[in-house]
Amino acid sequence: MNNKEAEYTKLVEYNRNGLNEQVHFGIILHMNKKGIIKKVGNDNGYKFYHRSCMKPLQVSPIIDLGLDKKYNLTLEEIAVCCASHTGDLIHQEKIKSILNKIGYKEDDLLCPPHSPLSKEEQKRLILNNLEPTKIHNNCSGKHSAMLSICKEMNFPTSNYKDLDNPLSEFIIKHVCKLCEVNKDDIVISKDGCGLPVIATTLEELGRGFLNLFTNKKYEKITKAFLNYPYLIGGKNRQDSEIINISKNLVAKVGACGLCVVVNIEKEECIVVKIADSNMEARTIATIDALLQLKWLETVSASQVNNIYIKKILSQDNEVLGSINSCFNLN
């Protein structure tokens, strides 16, 4: 395994009255199926866990197995299978529908209950003296998809998230194929929700996204992202907002500073990795990369500004400084 460290470069700086008081380093790749077009920083072949960026890749076997047709899954239900959702009522409704169609119940999910990311849903639970459920888990859609695959392949469901369950080998093999990487060259661990997650180079992750979202075979997954962005994440979630304001961009975020954005028309993508995992820096670096590449030309400045604020503000909204990108993808 390559143990050479990645070479991060400064991507975002926070400047208050001439002093940079906060800086964030990372790597950005701009690539197509042939390889890297330009990169900022250098991963040196270092491997990064895909985290939630892996979701559309690991959910894609529902198309290969024809489960979308067998269970008459709607685009909305396919979207929530790929989601890192906020646990709003609409997310819950779609997951319950999936479970009902495939013949399982919430208790069959092996993701633990946790508080929803949605502030509105948090308030609703408190006001009604309710506890968070497994369906509130932001990975519950993915877990529902895994149950459908287990049922089709006759894999055990009581321990489907374990590495020794045949589901693990099945999914990892499929994701490796999309990423065009040998299984012997990846690193395997577990994600926060308990399901296996793999680590590859950032270029291999980007290749997996291009092979998925530019392949007509997986057109339903692409349409699910484009047509139902708020089921992919939720209100104020970076990937949902990028998809919502654009007409041809698919985006998916992952923990630890990851984001992949695919330009469907150009068949190109960017992969962003923020070294310290700062979510605001990830948003700013991603949006500014898209602006530099002119992938948001049809989007108004006000729509872009609704996603990110590049000003340092006081509590009474006085402008105290600016947040700036310091990279060039052109």
C-alpha atoms as a PDB file:
ATOM      1  CA  MET A   1       0.000   0.000   0.000  1.00  0.00           C
ATOM      2  CA  ASN A   2       1.251   3.489  -0.897  1.00  0.00           C
ATOM      3  CA  ASN A   3       1.981   5.350   2.318  1.00  0.00           C
ATOM      4  CA  LYS A   4       3.186   8.563   0.655  1.00  0.00           C
ATOM      5  CA  GLU A   5       1.298  11.509   2.097  1.00  0.00           C
ATOM      6  CA  ALA A   6      -0.924  13.696  -0.036  1.00  0.00           C
ATOM      7  CA  GLU A   7       0.395  17.162  -0.865  1.00  0.00           C
ATOM      8  CA  TYR A   8      -2.337  19.609   0.093  1.00  0.00           C
ATOM      9  CA  THR A   9      -2.380  23.184  -1.146  1.00  0.00           C
ATOM     10  CA  LYS A  10      -4.150  26.225   0.283  1.00  0.00           C
ATOM     11  CA  LEU A  11      -7.655  26.452  -1.174  1.00  0.00           C
ATOM     12  CA  VAL A  12      -9.590  28.873   1.054  1.00  0.00           C
ATOM     13  CA  GLU A  13      -8.539  31.713   3.357  1.00  0.00           C
ATOM     14  CA  TYR A  14     -10.505  33.910   5.773  1.00  0.00           C
ATOM     15  CA  ASN A  15      -9.149  37.480   5.823  1.00  0.00           C
ATOM     16  CA  ARG A  16     -10.105  40.011   8.482  1.00  0.00           C
ATOM     17  CA  ASN A  17      -8.546  43.491   8.103  1.00  0.00           C
ATOM     18  CA  GLY A  18      -5.527  42.266   6.164  1.00  0.00           C
ATOM     19  CA  LEU A  19      -4.772  39.205   8.262  1.00  0.00           C
ATOM     20  CA  ASN A  20      -5.533  35.607   7.306  1.00  0.00           C
ATOM     21  CA  GLU A  21      -6.927  34.174  10.515  1.00  0.00           C
ATOM     22  CA  GLN A  22      -8.209  30.894   9.089  1.00  0.00           C
ATOM     23  CA  VAL A  23      -6.934  28.803   6.159  1.00  0.00           C
ATOM     24  CA  HIS A  24      -8.030  25.497   4.674  1.00  0.00           C
ATOM     25  CA  PHE A  25      -5.917  23.190   2.549  1.00  0.00           C
ATOM     26  CA  GLY A  26      -6.975  20.474   0.167  1.00  0.00           C
ATOM     27  CA  ILE A  27      -6.933  18.936  -3.297  1.00  0.00           C
ATOM     28  CA  ILE A  28      -9.150  19.504  -6.342  1.00  0.00           C
ATOM     29  CA  LEU A  29      -9.186  17.326  -9.458  1.00  0.00           C
ATOM     30  CA  HIS A  30     -10.819  18.246 -12.769  1.00  0.00           C
ATOM     31  CA  MET A  31     -11.071  15.136 -14.907  1.00  0.00           C
ATOM     32  CA  ASN A  32     -12.823  13.137 -17.604  1.00  0.00           C
ATOM     33  CA  LYS A  33     -12.812   9.421 -18.404  1.00  0.00           C
ATOM     34  CA  LYS A  34      -9.374   9.706 -19.998  1.00  0.00           C
ATOM     35  CA  GLY A  35      -7.852  11.048 -16.812  1.00  0.00           C
ATOM     36  CA  ILE A  36      -6.970  14.251 -14.988  1.00  0.00           C
ATOM     37  CA  ILE A  37      -7.312  17.486 -16.953  1.00  0.00           C
ATOM     38  CA  LYS A  38      -5.932  19.671 -14.167  1.00  0.00           C
ATOM     39  CA  LYS A  39      -5.312  19.284 -10.474  1.00  0.00           C
ATOM     40  CA  VAL A  40      -4.681  21.602  -7.563  1.00  0.00           C
ATOM     41  CA  GLY A  41      -2.549  19.853  -5.000  1.00  0.00           C
ATOM     42  CA  ASN A  42      -1.464  16.235  -5.406  1.00  0.00           C
ATOM     43  CA  ASP A  43      -2.831  13.123  -3.708  1.00  0.00           C
ATOM     44  CA  ASN A  44       0.362  11.211  -4.643  1.00  0.00           C
ATOM     45  CA  GLY A  45      -1.703   8.057  -5.023  1.00  0.00           C
ATOM     46  CA  TYR A  46      -2.853   8.300  -1.399  1.00  0.00           C
ATOM     47  CA  LYS A  47      -6.182   6.584  -0.789  1.00  0.00           C
ATOM     48  CA  PHE A  48      -9.187   8.273   0.773  1.00  0.00           C
ATOM     49  CA  TYR A  49     -12.327   6.601   2.069  1.00  0.00           C
ATOM     50  CA  HIS A  50     -15.302   7.401  -0.159  1.00  0.00           C
ATOM     51  CA  ARG A  51     -17.595   7.899   2.816  1.00  0.00           C
ATOM     52  CA  SER A  52     -21.063   8.958   1.626  1.00  0.00           C
ATOM     53  CA  CYS A  53     -19.769   9.697  -1.872  1.00  0.00           C
ATOM     54  CA  MET A  54     -19.853   5.911  -2.212  1.00  0.00           C
ATOM     55  CA  LYS A  55     -23.643   5.762  -1.862  1.00  0.00           C
ATOM     56  CA  PRO A  56     -24.708   6.068  -5.513  1.00  0.00           C
ATOM     57  CA  LEU A  57     -21.958   3.616  -6.461  1.00  0.00           C
ATOM     58  CA  GLN A  58     -22.999   0.982  -3.926  1.00  0.00           C
ATOM     59  CA  VAL A  59     -26.704   1.460  -4.604  1.00  0.00           C
ATOM     60  CA  SER A  60     -26.316   1.050  -8.391  1.00  0.00           C
ATOM     61  CA  PRO A  61     -26.688  -2.783  -8.282  1.00  0.00           C
ATOM     62  CA  ILE A  62     -30.437  -2.265  -7.802  1.00  0.00           C
ATOM     63  CA  ILE A  63     -30.397  -1.337 -11.500  1.00  0.00           C
ATOM     64  CA  ASP A  64     -28.170  -4.260 -12.525  1.00  0.00           C
ATOM     65  CA  LEU A  65     -30.444  -6.681 -10.698  1.00  0.00           C
ATOM     66  CA  GLY A  66     -33.599  -5.079 -12.072  1.00  0.00           C
ATOM     67  CA  LEU A  67     -34.909  -4.306  -8.589  1.00  0.00           C
ATOM     68  CA  ASP A  68     -36.075  -0.878  -9.728  1.00  0.00           C
ATOM     69  CA  LYS A  69     -38.525  -2.615 -12.063  1.00  0.00           C
ATOM     70  CA  LYS A  70     -39.305  -5.577  -9.830  1.00  0.00           C
ATOM     71  CA  TYR A  71     -40.440  -3.334  -6.971  1.00  0.00           C
ATOM     72  CA  ASN A  72     -41.618  -0.436  -9.145  1.00  0.00           C
ATOM     73  CA  LEU A  73     -39.262   1.972  -7.418  1.00  0.00           C
ATOM     74  CA  THR A  74     -39.948   5.599  -8.287  1.00  0.00           C
ATOM     75  CA  LEU A  75     -37.203   8.105  -9.077  1.00  0.00           C
ATOM     76  CA  GLU A  76     -37.890   9.660  -5.673  1.00  0.00           C
ATOM     77  CA  GLU A  77     -37.293   6.325  -3.946  1.00  0.00           C
ATOM     78  CA  ILE A  78     -34.104   5.731  -5.944  1.00  0.00           C
ATOM     79  CA  ALA A  79     -32.939   9.220  -4.938  1.00  0.00           C
ATOM     80  CA  VAL A  80     -33.414   8.577  -1.229  1.00  0.00           C
ATOM     81  CA  CYS A  81     -31.537   5.268  -1.561  1.00  0.00           C
ATOM     82  CA  CYS A  82     -28.494   7.319  -2.624  1.00  0.00           C
ATOM     83  CA  ALA A  83     -29.065  10.040  -0.040  1.00  0.00           C
ATOM     84  CA  SER A  84     -27.351  11.470   2.968  1.00  0.00           C
ATOM     85  CA  HIS A  85     -30.706  12.872   3.916  1.00  0.00           C
ATOM     86  CA  THR A  86     -31.791  15.278   6.637  1.00  0.00           C
ATOM     87  CA  GLY A  87     -34.605  13.069   7.941  1.00  0.00           C
ATOM     88  CA  ASP A  88     -37.488  15.315   6.953  1.00  0.00           C
ATOM     89  CA  LEU A  89     -40.978  13.860   6.667  1.00  0.00           C
ATOM     90  CA  ILE A  90     -40.612  13.480   2.886  1.00  0.00           C
ATOM     91  CA  HIS A  91     -37.474  11.364   3.374  1.00  0.00           C
ATOM     92  CA  GLN A  92     -39.219   9.214   5.971  1.00  0.00           C
ATOM     93  CA  GLU A  93     -42.224   8.729   3.700  1.00  0.00           C
ATOM     94  CA  LYS A  94     -40.095   7.483   0.794  1.00  0.00           C
ATOM     95  CA  ILE A  95     -38.058   5.087   2.940  1.00  0.00           C
ATOM     96  CA  LYS A  96     -41.203   3.592   4.479  1.00  0.00           C
ATOM     97  CA  SER A  97     -42.561   3.122   0.961  1.00  0.00           C
ATOM     98  CA  ILE A  98     -39.386   1.301  -0.130  1.00  0.00           C
ATOM     99  CA  LEU A  99     -39.463  -0.988   2.898  1.00  0.00           C
ATOM    100  CA  ASN A 100     -43.130  -1.772   2.282  1.00  0.00           C
ATOM    101  CA  LYS A 101     -42.464  -2.608  -1.385  1.00  0.00           C
ATOM    102  CA  ILE A 102     -39.560  -4.955  -0.641  1.00  0.00           C
ATOM    103  CA  GLY A 103     -41.328  -6.633   2.276  1.00  0.00           C
ATOM    104  CA  TYR A 104     -39.319  -5.376   5.250  1.00  0.00           C
ATOM    105  CA  LYS A 105     -39.939  -3.181   8.286  1.00  0.00           C
ATOM    106  CA  GLU A 106     -37.996  -0.461  10.016  1.00  0.00           C
ATOM    107  CA  ASP A 107     -36.763  -2.952  12.625  1.00  0.00           C
ATOM    108  CA  ASP A 108     -34.949  -4.818   9.836  1.00  0.00           C
ATOM    109  CA  LEU A 109     -32.705  -1.808   9.237  1.00  0.00           C
ATOM    110  CA  LEU A 110     -29.329  -2.159  10.961  1.00  0.00           C
ATOM    111  CA  CYS A 111     -28.512   1.550  10.962  1.00  0.00           C
ATOM    112  CA  PRO A 112     -28.902   3.000  14.475  1.00  0.00           C
ATOM    113  CA  PRO A 113     -31.434   5.706  15.331  1.00  0.00           C
ATOM    114  CA  HIS A 114     -29.995   9.190  15.451  1.00  0.00           C
ATOM    115  CA  SER A 115     -31.263  12.731  15.603  1.00  0.00           C
ATOM    116  CA  PRO A 116     -32.303  14.046  12.174  1.00  0.00           C
ATOM    117  CA  LEU A 117     -30.137  16.692  10.523  1.00  0.00           C
ATOM    118  CA  SER A 118     -33.270  18.710   9.726  1.00  0.00           C
ATOM    119  CA  LYS A 119     -33.876  21.484  12.264  1.00  0.00           C
ATOM    120  CA  GLU A 120     -37.600  21.381  11.468  1.00  0.00           C
ATOM    121  CA  GLU A 121     -37.803  17.661  12.162  1.00  0.00           C
ATOM    122  CA  GLN A 122     -35.777  18.055  15.361  1.00  0.00           C
ATOM    123  CA  LYS A 123     -38.336  20.614  16.569  1.00  0.00           C
ATOM    124  CA  ARG A 124     -41.241  18.362  15.584  1.00  0.00           C
ATOM    125  CA  LEU A 125     -39.824  15.475  17.599  1.00  0.00           C
ATOM    126  CA  ILE A 126     -39.266  17.681  20.654  1.00  0.00           C
ATOM    127  CA  LEU A 127     -42.730  19.271  20.474  1.00  0.00           C
ATOM    128  CA  ASN A 128     -44.392  15.859  20.183  1.00  0.00           C
ATOM    129  CA  ASN A 129     -42.157  14.174  22.774  1.00  0.00           C
ATOM    130  CA  LEU A 130     -40.902  11.702  20.157  1.00  0.00           C
ATOM    131  CA  GLU A 131     -37.577   9.888  19.941  1.00  0.00           C
ATOM    132  CA  PRO A 132     -35.496   9.649  16.733  1.00  0.00           C
ATOM    133  CA  THR A 133     -35.902   6.401  14.816  1.00  0.00           C
ATOM    134  CA  LYS A 134     -33.754   4.335  12.489  1.00  0.00           C
ATOM    135  CA  ILE A 135     -35.447   6.003   9.524  1.00  0.00           C
ATOM    136  CA  HIS A 136     -34.117   9.367  10.743  1.00  0.00           C
ATOM    137  CA  ASN A 137     -30.602   8.014  10.219  1.00  0.00           C
ATOM    138  CA  ASN A 138     -29.226   9.852   7.183  1.00  0.00           C
ATOM    139  CA  CYS A 139     -28.090   6.517   5.709  1.00  0.00           C
ATOM    140  CA  SER A 140     -31.430   4.709   6.083  1.00  0.00           C
ATOM    141  CA  GLY A 141     -32.155   4.937   2.359  1.00  0.00           C
ATOM    142  CA  LYS A 142     -28.910   3.157   1.527  1.00  0.00           C
ATOM    143  CA  HIS A 143     -29.656   0.498   4.133  1.00  0.00           C
ATOM    144  CA  SER A 144     -33.088  -0.055   2.577  1.00  0.00           C
ATOM    145  CA  ALA A 145     -31.420  -0.602  -0.792  1.00  0.00           C
ATOM    146  CA  MET A 146     -29.029  -3.110   0.797  1.00  0.00           C
ATOM    147  CA  LEU A 147     -31.980  -5.081   2.172  1.00  0.00           C
ATOM    148  CA  SER A 148     -33.483  -5.298  -1.325  1.00  0.00           C
ATOM    149  CA  ILE A 149     -30.198  -6.644  -2.698  1.00  0.00           C
ATOM    150  CA  CYS A 150     -29.918  -9.186   0.121  1.00  0.00           C
ATOM    151  CA  LYS A 151     -33.429 -10.421  -0.603  1.00  0.00           C
ATOM    152  CA  GLU A 152     -32.722 -10.819  -4.314  1.00  0.00           C
ATOM    153  CA  MET A 153     -29.361 -12.559  -3.787  1.00  0.00           C
ATOM    154  CA  ASN A 154     -30.476 -14.687  -0.802  1.00  0.00           C
ATOM    155  CA  PHE A 155     -27.901 -13.059   1.457  1.00  0.00           C
ATOM    156  CA  PRO A 156     -28.546 -13.087   5.242  1.00  0.00           C
ATOM    157  CA  THR A 157     -30.257  -9.919   6.438  1.00  0.00           C
ATOM    158  CA  SER A 158     -29.671 -10.277  10.185  1.00  0.00           C
ATOM    159  CA  ASN A 159     -26.024  -9.158   9.788  1.00  0.00           C
ATOM    160  CA  TYR A 160     -26.026  -7.544   6.342  1.00  0.00           C
ATOM    161  CA  LYS A 161     -23.612  -4.777   7.399  1.00  0.00           C
ATOM    162  CA  ASP A 162     -20.897  -7.198   8.519  1.00  0.00           C
ATOM    163  CA  LEU A 163     -17.784  -7.564   6.407  1.00  0.00           C
ATOM    164  CA  ASP A 164     -18.187 -11.353   6.307  1.00  0.00           C
ATOM    165  CA  ASN A 165     -21.723 -11.129   4.926  1.00  0.00           C
ATOM    166  CA  PRO A 166     -21.651 -11.915   1.173  1.00  0.00           C
ATOM    167  CA  LEU A 167     -23.330  -8.555   0.557  1.00  0.00           C
ATOM    168  CA  SER A 168     -20.030  -6.868   1.402  1.00  0.00           C
ATOM    169  CA  GLU A 169     -18.089  -8.773  -1.274  1.00  0.00           C
ATOM    170  CA  PHE A 170     -20.887  -8.244  -3.792  1.00  0.00           C
ATOM    171  CA  ILE A 171     -21.031  -4.465  -3.299  1.00  0.00           C
ATOM    172  CA  ILE A 172     -17.274  -3.944  -3.097  1.00  0.00           C
ATOM    173  CA  LYS A 173     -16.726  -5.901  -6.301  1.00  0.00           C
ATOM    174  CA  HIS A 174     -19.334  -3.782  -8.068  1.00  0.00           C
ATOM    175  CA  VAL A 175     -17.901  -0.459  -6.825  1.00  0.00           C
ATOM    176  CA  CYS A 176     -14.371  -1.529  -7.816  1.00  0.00           C
ATOM    177  CA  LYS A 177     -15.622  -2.244 -11.329  1.00  0.00           C
ATOM    178  CA  LEU A 178     -17.144   1.229 -11.614  1.00  0.00           C
ATOM    179  CA  CYS A 179     -13.951   2.824 -10.299  1.00  0.00           C
ATOM    180  CA  GLU A 180     -11.805   0.613 -12.550  1.00  0.00           C
ATOM    181  CA  VAL A 181      -9.655  -0.502  -9.644  1.00  0.00           C
ATOM    182  CA  ASN A 182      -8.474  -3.918  -8.512  1.00  0.00           C
ATOM    183  CA  LYS A 183      -9.863  -5.061  -5.175  1.00  0.00           C
ATOM    184  CA  ASP A 184      -6.319  -5.841  -4.025  1.00  0.00           C
ATOM    185  CA  ASP A 185      -5.475  -2.145  -4.437  1.00  0.00           C
ATOM    186  CA  ILE A 186      -8.193  -0.738  -2.194  1.00  0.00           C
ATOM    187  CA  VAL A 187      -8.510  -0.364   1.577  1.00  0.00           C
ATOM    188  CA  ILE A 188     -11.695  -1.524   3.281  1.00  0.00           C
ATOM    189  CA  SER A 189     -13.164  -0.246   6.525  1.00  0.00           C
ATOM    190  CA  LYS A 190     -16.618   0.603   7.863  1.00  0.00           C
ATOM    191  CA  ASP A 191     -18.539   3.843   7.540  1.00  0.00           C
ATOM    192  CA  GLY A 192     -20.310   5.565  10.413  1.00  0.00           C
ATOM    193  CA  CYS A 193     -23.570   3.727   9.709  1.00  0.00           C
ATOM    194  CA  GLY A 194     -21.807   0.356   9.927  1.00  0.00           C
ATOM    195  CA  LEU A 195     -21.745  -0.611   6.240  1.00  0.00           C
ATOM    196  CA  PRO A 196     -18.402  -1.268   4.523  1.00  0.00           C
ATOM    197  CA  VAL A 197     -16.645   1.651   2.844  1.00  0.00           C
ATOM    198  CA  ILE A 198     -13.641   1.550   0.540  1.00  0.00           C
ATOM    199  CA  ALA A 199     -10.688   3.863  -0.002  1.00  0.00           C
ATOM    200  CA  THR A 200      -9.223   4.622  -3.439  1.00  0.00           C
ATOM    201  CA  THR A 201      -7.359   7.485  -5.005  1.00  0.00           C
ATOM    202  CA  LEU A 202      -9.408  10.601  -5.715  1.00  0.00           C
ATOM    203  CA  GLU A 203      -9.020   9.972  -9.454  1.00  0.00           C
ATOM    204  CA  GLU A 204     -10.502   6.480  -9.073  1.00  0.00           C
ATOM    205  CA  LEU A 205     -13.428   7.921  -7.110  1.00  0.00           C
ATOM    206  CA  GLY A 206     -14.037  10.450  -9.872  1.00  0.00           C
ATOM    207  CA  ARG A 207     -13.846   7.723 -12.491  1.00  0.00           C
ATOM    208  CA  GLY A 208     -16.498   5.739 -10.638  1.00  0.00           C
ATOM    209  CA  PHE A 209     -18.834   8.734 -10.744  1.00  0.00           C
ATOM    210  CA  LEU A 210     -18.222   9.292 -14.456  1.00  0.00           C
ATOM    211  CA  ASN A 211     -18.814   5.618 -15.232  1.00  0.00           C
ATOM    212  CA  LEU A 212     -22.078   5.733 -13.310  1.00  0.00           C
ATOM    213  CA  PHE A 213     -23.590   9.086 -14.219  1.00  0.00           C
ATOM    214  CA  THR A 214     -22.650   9.110 -17.913  1.00  0.00           C
ATOM    215  CA  ASN A 215     -23.843   5.545 -18.545  1.00  0.00           C
ATOM    216  CA  LYS A 216     -27.312   5.225 -20.069  1.00  0.00           C
ATOM    217  CA  LYS A 217     -27.724   1.957 -18.171  1.00  0.00           C
ATOM    218  CA  TYR A 218     -27.908   3.947 -14.921  1.00  0.00           C
ATOM    219  CA  GLU A 219     -30.051   6.723 -16.364  1.00  0.00           C
ATOM    220  CA  LYS A 220     -32.657   6.316 -13.619  1.00  0.00           C
ATOM    221  CA  ILE A 221     -30.087   7.151 -10.941  1.00  0.00           C
ATOM    222  CA  THR A 222     -28.986  10.226 -12.869  1.00  0.00           C
ATOM    223  CA  LYS A 223     -32.595  11.342 -13.345  1.00  0.00           C
ATOM    224  CA  ALA A 224     -33.290  10.741  -9.655  1.00  0.00           C
ATOM    225  CA  PHE A 225     -30.476  13.139  -8.715  1.00  0.00           C
ATOM    226  CA  LEU A 226     -31.417  15.781 -11.275  1.00  0.00           C
ATOM    227  CA  ASN A 227     -35.167  15.701 -10.643  1.00  0.00           C
ATOM    228  CA  TYR A 228     -35.227  15.309  -6.852  1.00  0.00           C
ATOM    229  CA  PRO A 229     -32.185  17.128  -5.435  1.00  0.00           C
ATOM    230  CA  TYR A 230     -33.708  17.689  -1.983  1.00  0.00           C
ATOM    231  CA  LEU A 231     -34.209  13.963  -1.530  1.00  0.00           C
ATOM    232  CA  ILE A 232     -30.455  13.482  -2.073  1.00  0.00           C
ATOM    233  CA  GLY A 233     -29.698  15.672   0.940  1.00  0.00           C
ATOM    234  CA  GLY A 234     -32.107  18.347   2.017  1.00  0.00           C
ATOM    235  CA  LYS A 235     -32.509  22.061   2.561  1.00  0.00           C
ATOM    236  CA  ASN A 236     -29.165  23.902   2.781  1.00  0.00           C
ATOM    237  CA  ARG A 237     -27.214  20.751   1.953  1.00  0.00           C
ATOM    238  CA  GLN A 238     -24.381  21.515  -0.446  1.00  0.00           C
ATOM    239  CA  ASP A 239     -25.047  18.755  -2.975  1.00  0.00           C
ATOM    240  CA  SER A 240     -28.818  19.367  -3.077  1.00  0.00           C
ATOM    241  CA  GLU A 241     -28.348  23.093  -3.612  1.00  0.00           C
ATOM    242  CA  ILE A 242     -25.809  22.622  -6.419  1.00  0.00           C
ATOM    243  CA  ILE A 243     -28.107  20.221  -8.261  1.00  0.00           C
ATOM    244  CA  ASN A 244     -31.108  22.486  -7.681  1.00  0.00           C
ATOM    245  CA  ILE A 245     -29.602  25.626  -9.229  1.00  0.00           C
ATOM    246  CA  SER A 246     -28.002  23.859 -12.191  1.00  0.00           C
ATOM    247  CA  LYS A 247     -29.519  21.955 -15.071  1.00  0.00           C
ATOM    248  CA  ASN A 248     -26.815  19.400 -15.740  1.00  0.00           C
ATOM    249  CA  LEU A 249     -24.757  18.923 -12.573  1.00  0.00           C
ATOM    250  CA  VAL A 250     -24.948  15.925 -10.253  1.00  0.00           C
ATOM    251  CA  ALA A 251     -23.318  16.380  -6.847  1.00  0.00           C
ATOM    252  CA  LYS A 252     -22.714  14.192  -3.808  1.00  0.00           C
ATOM    253  CA  VAL A 253     -20.925  15.091  -0.610  1.00  0.00           C
ATOM    254  CA  GLY A 254     -19.158  12.782   1.786  1.00  0.00           C
ATOM    255  CA  ALA A 255     -17.774  13.149   5.288  1.00  0.00           C
ATOM    256  CA  CYS A 256     -14.217  14.367   5.868  1.00  0.00           C
ATOM    257  CA  GLY A 257     -14.350  17.136   3.290  1.00  0.00           C
ATOM    258  CA  LEU A 258     -15.317  15.226   0.145  1.00  0.00           C
ATOM    259  CA  CYS A 259     -17.511  16.333  -2.751  1.00  0.00           C
ATOM    260  CA  VAL A 260     -17.832  15.030  -6.310  1.00  0.00           C
ATOM    261  CA  VAL A 261     -19.664  16.991  -9.013  1.00  0.00           C
ATOM    262  CA  VAL A 262     -20.344  15.518 -12.468  1.00  0.00           C
ATOM    263  CA  ASN A 263     -21.126  17.674 -15.490  1.00  0.00           C
ATOM    264  CA  ILE A 264     -23.469  15.346 -17.385  1.00  0.00           C
ATOM    265  CA  GLU A 265     -23.234  17.235 -20.691  1.00  0.00           C
ATOM    266  CA  LYS A 266     -19.448  17.564 -20.751  1.00  0.00           C
ATOM    267  CA  GLU A 267     -18.877  14.110 -19.208  1.00  0.00           C
ATOM    268  CA  GLU A 268     -16.365  15.668 -16.819  1.00  0.00           C
ATOM    269  CA  CYS A 269     -16.202  15.886 -13.038  1.00  0.00           C
ATOM    270  CA  ILE A 270     -14.436  17.595 -10.183  1.00  0.00           C
ATOM    271  CA  VAL A 271     -13.387  15.888  -6.963  1.00  0.00           C
ATOM    272  CA  VAL A 272     -12.827  18.117  -3.938  1.00  0.00           C
ATOM    273  CA  LYS A 273     -11.088  17.044  -0.732  1.00  0.00           C
ATOM    274  CA  ILE A 274     -10.658  19.473   2.182  1.00  0.00           C
ATOM    275  CA  ALA A 275      -7.844  18.305   4.454  1.00  0.00           C
ATOM    276  CA  ASP A 276      -9.411  19.394   7.746  1.00  0.00           C
ATOM    277  CA  SER A 277     -12.954  18.387   6.673  1.00  0.00           C
ATOM    278  CA  ASN A 278     -14.366  21.905   7.138  1.00  0.00           C
ATOM    279  CA  MET A 279     -17.812  21.923   5.514  1.00  0.00           C
ATOM    280  CA  GLU A 280     -17.956  25.658   4.769  1.00  0.00           C
ATOM    281  CA  ALA A 281     -14.531  25.555   3.103  1.00  0.00           C
ATOM    282  CA  ARG A 282     -15.696  22.552   1.061  1.00  0.00           C
ATOM    283  CA  THR A 283     -18.711  24.512  -0.174  1.00  0.00           C
ATOM    284  CA  ILE A 284     -16.661  27.580  -1.088  1.00  0.00           C
ATOM    285  CA  ALA A 285     -13.940  25.575  -2.857  1.00  0.00           C
ATOM    286  CA  THR A 286     -16.515  23.527  -4.766  1.00  0.00           C
ATOM    287  CA  ILE A 287     -18.642  26.471  -5.898  1.00  0.00           C
ATOM    288  CA  ASP A 288     -15.610  28.527  -6.907  1.00  0.00           C
ATOM    289  CA  ALA A 289     -14.248  25.564  -8.878  1.00  0.00           C
ATOM    290  CA  LEU A 290     -17.579  25.297 -10.713  1.00  0.00           C
ATOM    291  CA  LEU A 291     -17.529  29.037 -11.426  1.00  0.00           C
ATOM    292  CA  GLN A 292     -13.967  28.901 -12.739  1.00  0.00           C
ATOM    293  CA  LEU A 293     -14.907  26.058 -15.074  1.00  0.00           C
ATOM    294  CA  LYS A 294     -17.989  28.030 -16.199  1.00  0.00           C
ATOM    295  CA  TRP A 295     -20.268  25.161 -15.183  1.00  0.00           C
ATOM    296  CA  LEU A 296     -22.672  27.623 -13.559  1.00  0.00           C
ATOM    297  CA  GLU A 297     -22.975  30.060 -16.476  1.00  0.00           C
ATOM    298  CA  THR A 298     -26.759  29.711 -16.626  1.00  0.00           C
ATOM    299  CA  VAL A 299     -27.118  30.345 -12.890  1.00  0.00           C
ATOM    300  CA  SER A 300     -27.767  33.824 -11.520  1.00  0.00           C
ATOM    301  CA  ALA A 301     -25.407  35.430  -9.018  1.00  0.00           C
ATOM    302  CA  SER A 302     -28.207  35.558  -6.429  1.00  0.00           C
ATOM    303  CA  GLN A 303     -28.758  31.788  -6.732  1.00  0.00           C
ATOM    304  CA  VAL A 304     -25.045  31.165  -6.190  1.00  0.00           C
ATOM    305  CA  ASN A 305     -24.948  33.578  -3.247  1.00  0.00           C
ATOM    306  CA  ASN A 306     -27.790  31.678  -1.613  1.00  0.00           C
ATOM    307  CA  ILE A 307     -25.470  28.662  -1.335  1.00  0.00           C
ATOM    308  CA  TYR A 308     -22.417  30.351   0.086  1.00  0.00           C
ATOM    309  CA  ILE A 309     -21.547  33.635   1.779  1.00  0.00           C
ATOM    310  CA  LYS A 310     -18.005  34.869   1.155  1.00  0.00           C
ATOM    311  CA  LYS A 311     -18.119  37.545   3.834  1.00  0.00           C
ATOM    312  CA  ILE A 312     -17.121  37.426   7.474  1.00  0.00           C
ATOM    313  CA  LEU A 313     -20.030  38.991   9.355  1.00  0.00           C
ATOM    314  CA  SER A 314     -20.540  40.219  12.888  1.00  0.00           C
ATOM    315  CA  GLN A 315     -23.592  39.155  14.860  1.00  0.00           C
ATOM    316  CA  ASP A 316     -25.398  42.266  13.628  1.00  0.00           C
ATOM    317  CA  ASN A 317     -24.339  41.583   9.999  1.00  0.00           C
ATOM    318  CA  GLU A 318     -21.550  44.150   9.764  1.00  0.00           C
ATOM    319  CA  VAL A 319     -18.997  43.024   7.139  1.00  0.00           C
ATOM    320  CA  LEU A 320     -15.715  42.374   8.938  1.00  0.00           C
ATOM    321  CA  GLY A 321     -13.749  40.545   6.274  1.00  0.00           C
ATOM    322  CA  SER A 322     -13.846  38.220   3.285  1.00  0.00           C
ATOM    323  CA  ILE A 323     -13.511  34.530   2.486  1.00  0.00           C
ATOM    324  CA  ASN A 324     -11.406  33.922  -0.600  1.00  0.00           C
ATOM    325  CA  SER A 325     -10.388  30.982  -2.774  1.00  0.00           C
ATOM    326  CA  CYS A 326      -6.705  30.771  -3.666  1.00  0.00           C
ATOM    327  CA  PHE A 327      -6.547  28.252  -6.518  1.00  0.00           C
ATOM    328  CA  ASN A 328      -6.855  28.270 -10.283  1.00  0.00           C
ATOM    329  CA  LEU A 329      -8.409  25.505 -12.363  1.00  0.00           C
ATOM    330  CA  ASN A 330      -8.239  27.411 -15.658  1.00  0.00           C
END
